[in-house]
Structures are given as C-alpha cells and as structure tokens.
C-alpha cells in the first residue's frame, strides 16, 4: 500500500514537471522539428510520462513509445493509448533479447534504471544522494534492431534510459538518419561508449543539449573528437543532457 502511494506520487510529480511548462513544450517542438517531419516514424526509448511523445505527435510523427515501468506504461496508455499513431512497447531496450531486472525509483521514476553501474555511480554523488531504488521488476528486453523489424526504420531515435544508453546502442546495427542519447556527468564512461558506438555506426556530426533546456549548445554541428572533448571537460555540476548524432555534413 505504501509503495503504491509512493509510486502514484512519483508519477504525479513527473506529470507536473514535464507537462507544466508551456515554454518548455514550445522549445521541445522546435528542437525535435530539426529531426522530424510529418509522417516520419520516431522511437521514443524511455518515454516516461509521454511529454516527448506529445511533441513528436504535434510535429506529425508516428511514435513508438518504449517504457518498461508498469506505472508509466499505464500512464502512457491513459494519455496516448487511443492515438492510433502511437504504439506503446513495455520493454527495456538492450543489446540482446530476453529479460532483465529493472530497479525502480518510486519517488522519482525518471531515474529508474536497468543499470546497476548507474545506481552505484549515483550513490553519494552530488545531486543524487537523496535518490533511492527500492523495488525491482523483472521485465522483457528487446533490441533496437528487433524494434525496427517490428515497426520499420525510424527517422529519429531518442534514447533516455539512465545509464543503459551504450547497451541500447549495442543492439542497433543499421542506419537510422539521426538519434540522441542521454548522458550524465556521473557516468561519462557510458556517454563515451555510446559516442564510440555512434561513430562505429557511421555518424559523423554531433551536437548536444544540457539538462531540460531543449536547446542545442553548439551553433555548428561538430565532429566526434570535438563532442568527446566537450563531454570530458563538462563540469560535474552540469549533471546531464543529450548528445545528438547525424550522418554527413549539416
């Protein structure tokens, strides 16, 4: 009963944060408009409460919303379940198909994670000391390649999976025009591993956004070595953000 109450409060907290700012919503539409055109297919991996699903739908995209947390799957179905252009996949994305244990943070579900290393990195880190992962759910896991086989090749993939980004990209072997992956300054090694995987896949130009700013920080798209230096030199206080990857000259 207590866990159910904590979970409900956590979801309500997320809804307030991610749906309560009209300016953020407009900035998100502008950002994703760089990558998405009407009719495009997009994978939102780590869809959480679906605010980015909403932005992508406003841009006219079809969306596969991937979210393994049971309470958030229910939330996505409540908000987007009647939209035929949204498919909800209640799975983790990794390098293999199978099943995996998902560590749930009931009070702050945005940082629930399938990565034990992420949780170890957060322990005692500035800005993370209050976070607690108190429940475990065993959930199905699939790959980006399998998701593509099921739904088609997307124009854009957004990855926000709390320290599991490199694992998710390890399950992608084919060209997708553009993608993003979240990074944290408590796990730069994961960000660099994800960046290396992008280079292996052929991505040549990169940009980034800090936190929830929804604004690209570099006026011009830069090469892999430059975004790597930027990630390494970023102060710890920056906390998190997203790296964006595209093919060719931008």
Protein backbone atom coordinates (compact mmCIF):
# COMPACT_ATOMS: atom_id res chain seq x y z
CA UNK A 1 0.00 0.00 0.00
CA UNK A 2 2.81 2.39 0.93
CA UNK A 3 4.72 1.56 -2.27
CA UNK A 4 1.57 2.17 -4.32
CA UNK A 5 1.17 5.60 -2.72
CA UNK A 6 4.84 6.46 -3.33
CA UNK A 7 4.53 5.33 -6.93
CA UNK A 8 1.42 7.44 -7.51
CA UNK A 9 3.11 10.48 -6.00
CA UNK A 10 6.16 9.88 -8.19
CA UNK A 11 4.07 9.77 -11.36
CA UNK A 12 2.16 12.92 -10.35
CA UNK A 13 5.49 14.66 -9.69
CA UNK A 14 6.67 13.75 -13.19
CA UNK A 15 3.42 14.94 -14.75
CA UNK A 16 3.77 18.32 -13.03
CA UNK A 17 7.40 18.70 -14.11
CA UNK A 18 7.06 17.57 -17.72
CA UNK A 19 3.62 18.97 -18.59
CA UNK A 20 3.55 22.15 -16.51
CA UNK A 21 5.75 24.45 -18.59
CA UNK A 22 4.37 25.82 -21.87
CA UNK A 23 7.72 27.41 -22.74
CA UNK A 24 9.49 24.09 -22.41
CA UNK A 25 6.85 22.50 -24.64
CA UNK A 26 7.45 25.06 -27.39
CA UNK A 27 11.23 24.64 -27.11
CA UNK A 28 10.85 20.87 -27.38
CA UNK A 29 8.76 21.23 -30.55
CA UNK A 30 11.48 23.45 -32.07
CA UNK A 31 14.25 21.03 -31.14
CA UNK A 32 12.61 17.89 -32.48
CA UNK A 33 11.48 19.80 -35.55
CA UNK A 34 15.14 19.76 -36.61
CA UNK A 35 14.92 15.98 -36.99
CA UNK A 36 11.27 15.11 -37.61
CA UNK A 37 8.86 15.79 -40.46
CA UNK A 38 5.14 14.95 -40.74
CA UNK A 39 4.65 11.24 -41.38
CA UNK A 40 8.08 10.23 -40.01
CA UNK A 41 8.41 7.29 -37.66
CA UNK A 42 10.20 8.03 -34.36
CA UNK A 43 11.28 5.75 -31.50
CA UNK A 44 10.98 7.40 -28.05
CA UNK A 45 13.00 4.99 -25.92
CA UNK A 46 12.47 5.85 -22.29
CA UNK A 47 9.16 7.59 -22.95
CA UNK A 48 8.46 8.20 -19.24
CA UNK A 49 5.13 10.11 -18.98
CA UNK A 50 4.96 10.83 -22.70
CA UNK A 51 5.71 14.55 -22.94
CA UNK A 52 8.09 13.95 -25.85
CA UNK A 53 5.53 11.65 -27.45
CA UNK A 54 3.24 14.66 -27.38
CA UNK A 55 5.84 16.88 -29.03
CA UNK A 56 6.52 14.33 -31.74
CA UNK A 57 2.80 13.93 -32.42
CA UNK A 58 2.40 17.72 -32.67
CA UNK A 59 5.07 17.54 -35.38
CA UNK A 60 3.02 14.91 -37.20
CA UNK A 61 5.26 11.91 -36.47
CA UNK A 62 4.20 8.36 -35.78
CA UNK A 63 5.71 7.25 -32.48
CA UNK A 64 6.82 4.00 -30.89
CA UNK A 65 6.91 4.82 -27.17
CA UNK A 66 9.17 2.41 -25.27
CA UNK A 67 8.76 2.37 -21.48
CA UNK A 68 9.22 -0.64 -19.16
CA UNK A 69 7.97 0.80 -15.84
CA UNK A 70 4.47 -0.61 -15.18
CA UNK A 71 3.10 2.59 -13.62
CA UNK A 72 4.39 4.67 -16.52
CA UNK A 73 3.07 2.22 -19.11
CA UNK A 74 -0.36 2.71 -17.53
CA UNK A 75 0.16 6.50 -17.68
CA UNK A 76 1.16 6.37 -21.35
CA UNK A 77 -1.88 4.28 -22.18
CA UNK A 78 -4.10 6.77 -20.36
CA UNK A 79 -2.64 9.78 -22.22
CA UNK A 80 -1.81 8.31 -25.64
CA UNK A 81 -3.46 4.90 -25.75
CA UNK A 82 -6.31 5.94 -28.05
CA UNK A 83 -3.97 7.54 -30.58
CA UNK A 84 -3.52 5.08 -33.44
CA UNK A 85 -0.27 6.81 -34.40
CA UNK A 86 1.30 5.82 -31.06
CA UNK A 87 2.45 2.26 -30.32
CA UNK A 88 3.43 1.54 -26.71
CA UNK A 89 6.13 -1.07 -26.10
CA UNK A 90 6.51 -2.07 -22.39
CA UNK A 91 10.11 -3.28 -22.68
CA UNK A 92 13.73 -2.41 -21.92
CA UNK A 93 15.99 -1.84 -24.94
CA UNK A 94 19.37 -3.58 -24.69
CA UNK A 95 21.97 -5.49 -26.67
CA UNK A 96 20.08 -8.82 -26.51
CA UNK A 97 16.51 -10.08 -26.36
CA UNK A 98 15.42 -11.72 -23.12
CA UNK A 99 14.52 -10.34 -19.69
CA UNK A 100 16.24 -8.06 -17.19
CA UNK A 101 15.77 -6.65 -13.70
CA UNK A 102 14.67 -3.02 -13.65
CA UNK A 103 15.49 -1.03 -10.50
CA UNK A 104 12.53 1.22 -9.68
CA UNK A 105 12.78 4.61 -8.01
CA UNK A 106 9.18 5.06 -6.93
CA UNK A 107 9.56 8.65 -5.74
CA UNK A 108 11.38 9.76 -8.92
CA UNK A 109 10.56 7.30 -11.71
CA UNK A 110 12.51 9.30 -14.30
CA UNK A 111 15.72 7.75 -12.90
CA UNK A 112 14.59 4.11 -12.68
CA UNK A 113 17.26 2.05 -14.40
CA UNK A 114 18.29 -1.36 -15.70
CA UNK A 115 21.94 -0.47 -14.98
CA UNK A 116 23.42 -1.46 -11.62
CA UNK A 117 26.50 0.59 -12.54
CA UNK A 118 24.33 3.70 -12.87
CA UNK A 119 22.92 3.20 -9.39
CA UNK A 120 26.40 2.64 -7.94
CA UNK A 121 27.63 5.83 -9.63
CA UNK A 122 24.71 7.80 -8.18
CA UNK A 123 25.37 6.64 -4.61
CA UNK A 124 26.74 9.64 -2.72
CA UNK A 125 27.21 11.76 -5.85
CA UNK A 126 26.32 15.47 -5.56
CA UNK A 127 22.69 15.98 -6.50
CA UNK A 128 21.92 12.25 -6.28
CA UNK A 129 22.27 11.47 -2.57
CA UNK A 130 18.54 11.50 -1.90
CA UNK A 131 17.65 9.03 -4.67
CA UNK A 132 16.51 5.54 -3.64
CA UNK A 133 15.85 2.48 -5.80
CA UNK A 134 13.62 0.40 -3.56
CA UNK A 135 11.84 -2.06 -5.84
CA UNK A 136 12.82 -4.49 -8.60
CA UNK A 137 10.66 -5.57 -11.55
CA UNK A 138 11.67 -8.27 -14.00
CA UNK A 139 10.71 -7.01 -17.45
CA UNK A 140 11.17 -8.14 -21.07
CA UNK A 141 14.12 -6.79 -23.04
CA UNK A 142 14.48 -6.41 -26.79
CA UNK A 143 16.83 -4.62 -29.20
CA UNK A 144 16.58 -1.63 -31.49
CA UNK A 145 17.10 -3.98 -34.44
CA UNK A 146 14.13 -6.08 -33.30
CA UNK A 147 12.04 -2.94 -32.80
CA UNK A 148 12.90 -1.85 -36.36
CA UNK A 149 11.93 -5.29 -37.68
CA UNK A 150 8.57 -4.89 -35.93
CA UNK A 151 7.74 -1.25 -36.72
CA UNK A 152 10.04 -0.09 -39.54
CA UNK A 153 13.10 2.16 -39.79
CA UNK A 154 12.61 5.40 -37.84
CA UNK A 155 13.78 8.84 -38.90
CA UNK A 156 14.94 9.53 -35.36
CA UNK A 157 15.61 7.57 -32.15
CA UNK A 158 15.60 9.25 -28.76
CA UNK A 159 17.38 7.26 -26.01
CA UNK A 160 16.91 8.25 -22.37
CA UNK A 161 17.50 5.08 -20.35
CA UNK A 162 19.52 6.10 -17.28
CA UNK A 163 22.95 4.60 -17.85
CA UNK A 164 21.83 1.92 -20.32
CA UNK A 165 22.40 4.00 -23.45
CA UNK A 166 25.52 2.17 -24.66
CA UNK A 167 23.78 -1.18 -24.09
CA UNK A 168 20.81 0.01 -26.15
CA UNK A 169 23.02 1.21 -29.00
CA UNK A 170 24.86 -2.13 -28.99
CA UNK A 171 21.60 -3.64 -30.24
CA UNK A 172 21.48 -1.35 -33.29
CA UNK A 173 23.30 -2.47 -36.43
CA UNK A 174 21.61 -0.46 -39.18
CA UNK A 175 21.49 3.11 -40.35
CA UNK A 176 18.96 5.49 -38.84
CA UNK A 177 19.15 9.11 -40.05
CA UNK A 178 19.55 10.66 -36.59
CA UNK A 179 19.44 9.79 -32.91
CA UNK A 180 20.05 11.19 -29.45
CA UNK A 181 21.29 9.62 -26.24
CA UNK A 182 21.22 10.96 -22.71
CA UNK A 183 24.45 11.41 -20.74
CA UNK A 184 25.22 12.13 -17.09
CA UNK A 185 28.39 13.56 -15.61
CA UNK A 186 28.42 10.77 -13.00
CA UNK A 187 28.86 8.26 -15.85
CA UNK A 188 30.94 9.89 -18.57
CA UNK A 189 32.29 6.44 -19.46
CA UNK A 190 28.82 5.40 -20.62
CA UNK A 191 28.47 8.57 -22.69
CA UNK A 192 31.83 7.98 -24.33
CA UNK A 193 30.95 4.33 -25.03
CA UNK A 194 27.67 5.46 -26.63
CA UNK A 195 29.57 8.05 -28.68
CA UNK A 196 32.04 5.41 -29.89
CA UNK A 197 29.13 3.20 -30.93
CA UNK A 198 27.65 6.09 -32.91
CA UNK A 199 30.97 6.56 -34.72
CA UNK A 200 31.10 2.84 -35.49
CA UNK A 201 27.60 3.12 -36.98
CA UNK A 202 28.83 5.93 -39.24
CA UNK A 203 27.52 9.06 -37.53
CA UNK A 204 29.79 11.99 -38.35
CA UNK A 205 28.25 15.17 -36.90
CA UNK A 206 27.21 15.83 -33.33
CA UNK A 207 25.56 18.40 -31.10
CA UNK A 208 24.25 18.48 -27.55
CA UNK A 209 21.69 19.99 -25.18
CA UNK A 210 22.11 20.44 -21.43
CA UNK A 211 19.53 19.29 -18.92
CA UNK A 212 15.99 20.03 -20.00
CA UNK A 213 16.97 23.17 -21.92
CA UNK A 214 15.81 21.70 -25.28
CA UNK A 215 18.40 23.98 -26.92
CA UNK A 216 21.43 22.85 -28.92
CA UNK A 217 24.60 24.27 -27.36
CA UNK A 218 26.80 24.35 -30.47
CA UNK A 219 26.00 26.83 -33.25
CA UNK A 220 27.55 24.43 -35.76
CA UNK A 221 27.45 20.62 -35.71
CA UNK A 222 30.85 19.25 -34.73
CA UNK A 223 32.88 16.08 -35.24
CA UNK A 224 33.18 13.17 -32.81
CA UNK A 225 36.52 14.22 -31.31
CA UNK A 226 35.15 17.69 -30.53
CA UNK A 227 31.99 16.41 -28.83
CA UNK A 228 34.15 13.94 -26.89
CA UNK A 229 36.32 16.78 -25.57
CA UNK A 230 33.19 18.74 -24.67
CA UNK A 231 31.82 15.78 -22.69
CA UNK A 232 35.11 15.20 -20.87
CA UNK A 233 35.54 18.87 -19.96
CA UNK A 234 31.94 19.45 -18.88
CA UNK A 235 31.75 20.38 -15.16
CA UNK A 236 30.17 17.84 -12.83
CA UNK A 237 27.51 20.40 -11.92
CA UNK A 238 26.15 20.23 -15.48
CA UNK A 239 24.70 16.88 -14.37
CA UNK A 240 23.05 15.64 -17.55
CA UNK A 241 21.95 16.32 -21.09
CA UNK A 242 21.63 14.72 -24.51
CA UNK A 243 24.03 14.16 -27.40
CA UNK A 244 22.56 14.32 -30.92
CA UNK A 245 24.09 12.44 -33.85
CA UNK A 246 23.56 12.78 -37.60
CA UNK A 247 25.18 11.49 -40.78
CA UNK A 248 27.20 13.69 -43.11
CA UNK A 249 27.53 17.44 -43.36
CA UNK A 250 24.97 19.57 -41.52
